[in-house]
Protein backbone atom coordinates (compact mmCIF):
# COMPACT_ATOMS: atom_id res chain seq x y z
CA MET A 1 -0.17 0.01 -0.01
CA SER A 2 2.80 2.32 0.93
CA VAL A 3 4.45 1.68 -2.55
CA LEU A 4 1.23 2.31 -4.32
CA VAL A 5 0.57 5.40 -2.63
CA LEU A 6 4.02 6.70 -3.12
CA SER A 7 3.89 5.80 -6.79
CA THR A 8 0.61 7.67 -7.05
CA LEU A 9 2.06 10.74 -5.44
CA LEU A 10 5.11 10.47 -7.77
CA MET A 11 2.88 10.22 -10.82
CA VAL A 12 0.83 13.21 -9.67
CA GLY A 13 3.86 15.31 -8.71
CA THR A 14 5.54 14.41 -11.90
CA TYR A 15 2.34 15.67 -13.85
CA LEU A 16 2.23 18.82 -12.13
CA LEU A 17 5.81 19.47 -12.72
CA SER A 18 5.35 18.80 -16.43
CA ASN A 19 2.24 20.88 -16.60
CA ALA A 20 3.94 23.59 -14.66
CA ASN A 21 7.10 23.50 -16.98
CA SER A 22 4.63 23.48 -20.16
CA GLU A 23 2.78 26.67 -18.84
CA SER A 24 6.17 28.32 -18.14
CA LYS A 25 7.32 27.68 -21.73
CA ILE A 26 3.79 28.85 -23.08
CA SER A 27 4.18 31.97 -20.88
CA LYS A 28 7.72 32.71 -22.25
CA VAL A 29 6.76 32.08 -26.00
CA GLN A 30 3.84 34.68 -25.31
CA PHE A 31 6.21 37.12 -23.63
CA LEU A 32 8.78 36.89 -26.38
CA ALA A 33 6.11 37.08 -29.15
CA THR A 34 4.72 40.27 -27.66
CA LYS A 35 8.18 41.84 -27.36
CA ASN A 36 9.00 40.92 -30.94
CA TYR A 37 5.61 42.34 -32.16
CA TYR A 38 6.37 45.71 -30.70
CA LEU A 39 9.94 45.60 -31.92
CA ALA A 40 8.91 44.88 -35.58
CA GLU A 41 6.13 47.42 -35.32
CA THR A 42 8.73 49.97 -34.11
CA GLY A 43 10.94 48.88 -37.10
CA ILE A 44 8.18 49.70 -39.64
CA HIS A 45 7.61 53.12 -38.07
CA ASP A 46 11.27 53.78 -37.88
CA MET A 47 11.50 53.37 -41.71
CA ILE A 48 8.45 55.41 -42.25
CA TRP A 49 9.97 58.27 -40.10
CA LYS A 50 13.27 58.07 -42.11
CA ILE A 51 11.33 58.21 -45.43
CA GLN A 52 9.49 61.28 -44.22
CA ASN A 53 12.51 63.00 -42.51
CA ASP A 54 15.77 62.05 -44.15
CA ALA A 55 16.17 63.97 -47.52
CA ALA A 56 18.04 61.13 -49.27
CA THR A 57 15.69 58.34 -48.26
CA ARG A 58 12.60 60.34 -48.92
CA GLN A 59 13.85 61.22 -52.53
CA ALA A 60 14.69 57.56 -53.23
CA PHE A 61 11.26 56.63 -52.23
CA LEU A 62 9.57 59.20 -54.41
CA ASN A 63 11.95 58.28 -57.32
CA GLY A 64 11.36 54.44 -56.81
CA THR A 65 15.10 53.86 -56.09
CA LEU A 66 15.07 52.52 -52.52
CA SER A 67 18.03 50.22 -51.97
CA SER A 68 20.03 48.42 -49.21
CA SER A 69 21.81 51.60 -48.50
CA ASN A 70 18.53 52.80 -47.15
CA ASN A 71 18.11 49.64 -44.84
CA ILE A 72 17.89 50.02 -41.02
CA THR A 73 19.58 47.73 -38.47
CA LYS A 74 19.43 48.44 -34.74
CA THR A 75 20.55 46.37 -31.83
CA ASN A 76 20.59 46.85 -27.87
CA ILE A 77 17.13 48.63 -28.44
CA PHE A 78 16.19 50.66 -25.29
CA GLY A 79 19.19 49.42 -23.70
CA ASP A 80 18.14 45.91 -23.95
CA ALA A 81 21.02 43.74 -25.38
CA ALA A 82 18.72 40.97 -26.34
CA ALA A 83 16.51 43.08 -28.63
CA SER A 84 17.13 43.96 -32.32
CA TYR A 85 15.47 44.40 -35.53
CA GLN A 86 16.37 44.84 -39.20
CA VAL A 87 14.21 46.79 -41.72
CA THR A 88 14.27 46.84 -45.47
CA ALA A 89 12.26 48.87 -47.94
CA ALA A 90 11.98 48.41 -51.72
CA ASN A 91 9.82 50.36 -54.24
CA THR A 92 7.16 48.58 -56.38
CA THR A 93 6.89 51.95 -58.24
CA THR A 94 7.38 55.55 -57.60
CA SER A 95 6.21 56.66 -54.16
CA GLU A 96 5.06 53.17 -53.15
CA ALA A 97 6.89 50.61 -51.26
CA TRP A 98 7.22 47.37 -49.17
CA ILE A 99 8.60 47.74 -45.78
CA ILE A 100 9.81 44.42 -44.20
CA ALA A 101 10.83 44.45 -40.55
CA THR A 102 12.51 41.55 -38.88
CA SER A 103 12.88 41.53 -35.04
CA THR A 104 14.49 39.19 -32.70
CA TYR A 105 14.40 38.83 -28.96
CA GLN A 106 16.75 36.31 -27.27
CA ILE A 107 16.48 34.94 -23.80
CA GLY A 108 19.26 32.40 -22.87
CA ASN A 109 19.03 29.88 -25.57
CA ASN A 110 15.58 30.88 -26.61
CA ILE A 111 15.24 33.07 -29.67
CA SER A 112 11.96 34.40 -30.90
CA GLN A 113 11.39 36.38 -34.27
CA ARG A 114 8.72 38.14 -35.71
CA VAL A 115 8.22 39.55 -39.34
CA VAL A 116 5.99 42.41 -40.20
CA LYS A 117 5.34 43.69 -43.75
CA SER A 118 3.72 46.94 -44.64
CA TYR A 119 2.77 48.46 -47.82
CA ILE A 120 3.03 52.14 -47.83
CA SER A 121 2.18 54.96 -50.47
CA LYS A 122 2.29 58.76 -50.60
CA ALA A 123 -0.46 60.96 -52.39
CA THR A 124 1.29 62.47 -55.57
CA GLY A 125 -1.85 62.68 -57.70
CA SER A 126 -2.12 65.75 -60.09
CA THR A 127 -4.47 68.36 -59.47
CA ALA A 128 -4.49 69.96 -62.89
CA ASP A 129 -7.57 68.01 -64.19
CA TRP A 130 -9.33 66.32 -61.33
CA GLU A 131 -12.26 64.55 -63.12
CA PHE A 132 -13.75 62.69 -60.20
CA THR A 133 -17.16 62.92 -58.47
CA VAL A 134 -16.26 60.10 -56.19
CA PHE A 135 -12.74 58.55 -55.73
CA ALA A 136 -11.44 55.79 -53.60
CA GLY A 137 -7.79 55.84 -53.98
CA GLY A 138 -6.25 53.29 -51.76
CA ARG A 139 -3.78 50.71 -53.48
CA GLY A 140 -1.68 47.79 -52.22
CA SER A 141 -4.20 45.13 -51.24
CA GLN A 142 -7.79 44.11 -51.89
CA GLN A 143 -8.87 45.68 -48.65
CA ASN A 144 -8.02 49.20 -49.94
CA GLY A 145 -9.26 51.41 -52.52
CA ASN A 146 -12.96 50.18 -52.58
CA PHE A 147 -16.04 52.08 -52.99
CA ASN A 148 -19.30 50.52 -51.64
CA PHE A 149 -22.79 51.79 -51.99
CA THR A 150 -25.63 50.17 -49.99
CA GLY A 151 -29.07 51.53 -50.58
CA SER A 152 -32.71 50.63 -49.46
CA GLY A 153 -35.03 51.98 -52.19
CA VAL A 154 -32.75 55.11 -52.57
CA ILE A 155 -31.20 56.53 -55.75
CA LEU A 156 -27.75 57.87 -55.60
CA THR A 157 -27.48 60.24 -58.45
CA SER A 158 -24.06 61.51 -60.06
CA THR A 159 -24.05 64.18 -62.61
CA GLY A 160 -20.87 64.88 -64.55
CA GLY A 161 -17.39 63.51 -63.72
CA ARG A 162 -16.40 60.00 -62.87
CA LEU A 163 -16.89 57.58 -59.99
CA HIS A 164 -13.52 55.63 -59.58
CA ALA A 165 -12.37 52.92 -57.43
CA ASN A 166 -8.63 51.80 -57.32
CA GLN A 167 -9.78 48.34 -56.38
CA LEU A 168 -13.61 47.30 -56.43
CA LEU A 169 -16.75 49.26 -56.83
CA LYS A 170 -19.68 47.75 -55.40
CA ILE A 171 -23.41 48.33 -55.73
CA LYS A 172 -24.86 46.30 -52.72
CA GLY A 173 -28.48 47.70 -53.00
CA GLY A 174 -30.43 50.65 -54.22
CA GLU A 175 -29.88 52.40 -57.49
CA LEU A 176 -26.78 54.21 -58.56
CA LYS A 177 -27.59 56.69 -61.51
CA ILE A 178 -24.83 58.02 -63.56
CA ASN A 179 -25.87 61.04 -65.79
CA ASN A 180 -23.48 62.48 -68.31
CA GLY A 181 -20.32 60.94 -66.70
CA GLY A 182 -18.68 57.68 -66.10
CA ILE A 183 -18.02 54.92 -63.59
CA THR A 184 -14.68 52.98 -63.44
CA ALA A 185 -12.55 50.53 -61.29
CA SER A 186 -9.08 49.45 -61.63
CA ASN A 187 -10.40 45.82 -60.62
CA ASN A 188 -14.01 45.44 -61.18
CA ILE A 189 -17.59 46.79 -60.90
CA ILE A 190 -20.03 44.44 -59.06
CA VAL A 191 -23.81 44.98 -58.87
CA ASN A 192 -25.16 42.50 -56.29
CA ALA A 193 -28.79 41.34 -56.24
CA GLY A 194 -31.02 44.14 -55.09
CA GLY A 195 -28.59 46.82 -56.73
CA LYS A 196 -29.12 48.51 -59.96
CA LEU A 197 -26.60 50.57 -62.03
CA THR A 198 -28.33 53.02 -64.43
CA LEU A 199 -26.25 54.79 -67.11
CA ASN A 200 -27.65 57.90 -68.84
CA ASN A 201 -25.46 59.18 -71.60
CA SER A 202 -22.59 57.65 -69.50
CA TYR A 203 -19.92 54.93 -69.93
CA GLN A 204 -18.59 52.03 -67.79
CA GLU A 205 -15.11 50.70 -67.80
CA ALA A 206 -13.28 48.05 -65.66
CA PRO A 207 -10.50 47.15 -65.29
CA THR A 208 -8.64 50.46 -65.80
CA SER A 209 -5.36 51.75 -64.43
CA THR A 210 -4.83 52.89 -60.96
CA ILE A 211 -4.86 56.66 -60.14
CA ASP A 212 -2.75 58.56 -57.55
CA THR A 213 -4.59 60.19 -54.51
CA LEU A 214 -4.70 63.98 -54.41
CA GLN A 215 -2.03 65.82 -52.55
CA ILE A 216 -3.29 67.95 -49.76
CA ASP A 217 -0.77 69.70 -47.62
CA PHE A 218 -2.26 69.80 -44.02
CA ASP A 219 0.28 70.92 -41.85
CA SER A 220 3.78 71.08 -43.49
CA ALA A 221 6.07 73.88 -42.38
CA LEU A 222 5.48 75.65 -45.75
CA PRO A 223 3.53 78.84 -45.50
CA THR A 224 0.97 77.63 -47.97
CA SER A 225 -0.07 74.54 -45.82
CA TRP A 226 -3.79 74.73 -44.57
CA LYS A 227 -2.61 74.98 -41.14
CA ASN A 228 -0.42 78.02 -41.80
CA ARG A 229 -3.17 79.65 -43.94
CA ALA A 230 -5.81 79.22 -41.44
CA ASP A 231 -8.02 82.29 -40.65
CA THR A 232 -9.14 80.67 -37.45
CA THR A 233 -7.58 77.66 -35.22
CA TYR A 234 -9.41 75.62 -32.73
CA THR A 235 -8.43 72.63 -30.40
CA SER A 236 -10.70 69.83 -30.49
CA ALA A 237 -12.58 70.84 -27.30
CA GLN A 238 -12.96 74.52 -28.48
CA PHE A 239 -14.51 73.22 -31.75
CA SER A 240 -16.82 70.85 -30.23
CA ASN A 241 -18.07 73.47 -27.82
CA LEU A 242 -19.23 75.86 -30.40
CA ALA A 243 -22.84 76.96 -30.27
CA ASN A 244 -25.66 75.84 -32.30
CA ASN A 245 -26.35 77.83 -35.27
CA THR A 246 -22.76 78.84 -35.58
CA THR A 247 -21.43 80.62 -38.88
CA LEU A 248 -17.82 80.33 -39.61
CA ASN A 249 -15.79 81.95 -42.30
CA GLY A 250 -12.56 81.27 -44.27
CA ILE A 251 -10.16 78.51 -43.42
CA ILE A 252 -11.10 76.96 -40.11
CA TYR A 253 -8.46 74.60 -38.79
CA VAL A 254 -8.93 72.13 -36.07
CA THR A 255 -5.77 70.71 -34.33
CA GLY A 256 -6.73 67.13 -33.70
CA ALA A 257 -10.27 65.62 -34.06
CA ALA A 258 -13.23 67.73 -35.31
CA SER A 259 -16.86 66.85 -34.09
CA ILE A 260 -20.12 68.34 -35.01
CA THR A 261 -22.95 66.70 -33.11
CA GLY A 262 -26.65 67.67 -33.22
CA LYS A 263 -26.07 71.22 -34.33
CA ASN A 264 -26.87 73.36 -37.27
CA MET A 265 -23.82 74.85 -38.68
CA THR A 266 -22.65 76.96 -41.68
CA ILE A 267 -19.19 77.17 -42.92
CA ASN A 268 -18.36 79.54 -45.72
CA GLY A 269 -14.97 78.31 -46.68
CA VAL A 270 -13.02 75.08 -45.73
CA LEU A 271 -13.06 73.20 -42.56
CA VAL A 272 -9.65 71.30 -42.04
CA ALA A 273 -8.90 68.83 -39.22
CA SER A 274 -5.52 67.22 -38.46
CA GLY A 275 -7.25 64.37 -36.94
CA ASN A 276 -10.60 62.51 -37.71
CA LEU A 277 -13.70 64.56 -38.50
CA SER A 278 -17.26 63.36 -37.55
CA ILE A 279 -20.65 64.85 -38.20
CA THR A 280 -23.62 63.50 -36.56
CA ASN A 281 -26.84 65.21 -37.72
CA ALA A 282 -30.23 64.30 -36.58
CA GLY A 283 -32.71 66.62 -38.07
CA ASN A 284 -30.18 69.44 -38.33
CA THR A 285 -28.91 71.49 -41.25
CA PHE A 286 -25.12 71.51 -42.27
CA VAL A 287 -23.87 73.59 -44.88
CA ILE A 288 -20.48 74.23 -46.53
CA ASN A 289 -20.43 77.10 -48.97
CA ALA A 290 -17.50 77.78 -51.41
CA ASP A 291 -15.40 80.82 -50.65
CA PRO A 292 -14.94 82.57 -54.11
CA VAL A 293 -11.00 82.54 -53.58
CA LYS A 294 -10.50 79.83 -51.01
CA GLY A 295 -13.18 77.40 -52.18
CA GLY A 296 -15.14 75.05 -49.97
CA GLY A 297 -14.78 71.70 -48.40
CA LEU A 298 -14.24 69.20 -45.59
CA LEU A 299 -10.69 68.03 -45.29
CA SER A 300 -9.44 65.46 -42.74
CA LYS A 301 -5.93 63.88 -42.28
CA GLY A 302 -7.68 60.87 -40.76
CA ASN A 303 -11.25 59.50 -41.37
CA ILE A 304 -14.36 61.31 -42.12
CA SER A 305 -17.73 59.96 -40.77
CA ILE A 306 -20.99 61.51 -41.70
CA THR A 307 -24.08 60.09 -39.86
CA THR A 308 -27.26 61.67 -40.51
CA SER A 309 -31.00 61.02 -39.67
CA GLY A 310 -33.33 63.57 -41.26
CA GLY A 311 -32.27 67.29 -41.84
CA SER A 312 -30.07 68.23 -44.70
CA VAL A 313 -26.39 68.22 -45.62
CA THR A 314 -25.13 70.45 -48.41
CA VAL A 315 -21.29 70.46 -49.30
CA ASN A 316 -20.26 72.90 -51.94
CA GLY A 317 -16.96 71.80 -52.42
CA LEU A 318 -14.35 68.93 -51.80
CA ILE A 319 -14.83 66.19 -49.18
CA TYR A 320 -11.37 64.66 -48.57
CA SER A 321 -10.33 61.99 -46.28
CA GLY A 322 -6.76 60.95 -45.70
CA ASN A 323 -8.09 57.56 -44.58
CA LYS A 324 -11.65 56.13 -44.65
CA LEU A 325 -14.59 58.02 -45.93
CA SER A 326 -17.89 56.87 -44.60
CA MET A 327 -21.63 58.21 -45.21
CA THR A 328 -24.64 56.77 -43.40
CA SER A 329 -27.81 58.73 -44.25
CA ALA A 330 -31.35 57.96 -43.40
CA GLY A 331 -34.11 60.08 -44.76
CA THR A 332 -31.72 62.95 -45.27
CA ASN A 333 -31.45 65.32 -48.24
CA PHE A 334 -27.62 65.02 -49.02
CA THR A 335 -26.13 67.08 -51.85
CA ILE A 336 -22.61 67.43 -52.87
CA ASN A 337 -21.74 70.10 -55.22
CA GLY A 338 -18.01 69.25 -55.88
CA SER A 339 -16.27 66.01 -55.34
CA MET A 340 -15.53 63.51 -52.52
CA SER A 341 -12.40 61.53 -52.17
CA GLY A 342 -11.17 58.95 -49.67
CA PHE A 343 -8.66 56.07 -49.23
CA ASP A 344 -11.82 53.84 -49.11
CA ALA A 345 -15.50 55.12 -49.36
CA ASP A 346 -18.58 53.71 -48.07
CA VAL A 347 -22.05 55.16 -48.64
CA THR A 348 -25.09 53.70 -47.00
CA ALA A 349 -28.56 55.13 -47.40
CA SER A 350 -32.24 54.63 -46.49
CA GLY A 351 -34.90 57.15 -47.65
CA GLY A 352 -33.99 60.77 -48.62
CA SER A 353 -31.86 61.44 -51.47
CA ILE A 354 -28.04 61.72 -52.27
CA ILE A 355 -27.02 63.97 -55.14
CA LEU A 356 -23.56 64.26 -56.41
CA ASN A 357 -22.95 67.09 -58.75
CA TYR A 358 -19.44 67.40 -60.34
CA THR A 359 -18.58 71.06 -59.88
CA PRO A 360 -14.88 71.82 -60.26
CA ALA A 361 -15.46 75.70 -59.48
CA ASN A 362 -16.24 74.75 -55.76
CA PHE A 363 -13.34 72.58 -55.15
CA GLN A 364 -10.40 73.69 -57.65
CA PRO A 365 -9.19 76.38 -55.29
CA VAL A 366 -8.91 73.70 -52.55
CA ILE A 367 -6.69 71.38 -54.66
CA ASP A 368 -4.74 74.09 -56.24
CA PRO A 369 -1.03 72.85 -56.57
CA THR A 370 0.09 76.31 -55.36
CA TYR A 371 -1.11 75.46 -51.84
CA ASN A 372 -0.58 71.63 -52.03
CA SER A 373 2.99 71.21 -53.41
CA THR A 374 3.64 68.47 -50.87
CA SER A 375 1.64 65.83 -49.05
CA PRO A 376 3.01 64.84 -45.38
CA ILE A 377 0.66 61.77 -45.40
CA ILE A 378 2.36 58.36 -45.75
CA GLN A 379 -0.52 56.06 -45.99
CA ILE A 380 -0.17 52.28 -44.70
CA ASN A 381 -2.02 50.34 -47.20
CA HIS A 382 -1.38 46.90 -45.96
CA TRP A 383 -0.30 45.14 -42.75
CA GLU A 384 0.87 41.49 -42.56
CA GLU A 385 2.28 39.75 -39.49
CA GLN A 386 4.35 36.64 -39.70
CA TYR A 387 5.96 34.50 -36.90
């Protein structure tokens, strides 16, 4: 009996030790994986910083001539001798490149490695002849550069100009009507069941070549940037605290995110945000009027999100999002006399009407290359992780 009891205890003890050892190894692996992820992510942003701030690397990126001389290797990161990463960058074409960061972390005989790949691009599009009513300009993967329209008994009407997506253009429901214009996609145009595409004196073409995103100089040191040309500058808090029925004139620049919630507002000029821009309209009236010299528009370095329920939204100018542009409209009269552009664009509507009129006179002053000779935005088009 003693031998049996001792044998049982030995087996239980052996199991517990083995289990504890396994848990220790799993914990160590997770610890190393987390360390390596952040090391690799740091490597990606290190290369992006170098492209933005080192003159030789920046020019190589723009010219399409990045080489091994632009690579980055760092060890003893943050004083940790076990941490290191190597970063390479290679152009696929001018102003677009793959960045690959490989990080390693060592504890004793245990070595963990992580590889992160990122595809980046810089806006270099010409403003001389911007012919787009709607533009989705992301490139690099199937997740970028898409335009999606989802409607429920709603007609999205576009008159003049061209609707273009650098990837897929999808009509998932409702009717998209093109008058005296065109609809194109670099990949494909898809009309799902419940959706309808109507062409009146217009053309449809896919696939076509990809097109560069517009350059917008939000906040460079140049005196011509939107930040330095602003007539009025607000912080995020100051802007969100503006009273109902406020009217603003000229170039309005918001440092950080700009939010308009449940307010009537009129802007005679251009509203610019260095962060995300969101408008939530519940039966309210929001109007952008084009200034005869400065033009009109909503410009965001980040995302633009417009959510409406009733009321009306009128934008005489350009809606420009440096990242994702999304519009959700329910029973709203939504009119854009100008153009709208985003990295990706989603329009969802039920009831009301959405009318897009290609009106260059309202947005040409906004995209004038005199004021947008450079674009500080480096857009991450694709992010991929490997162990």
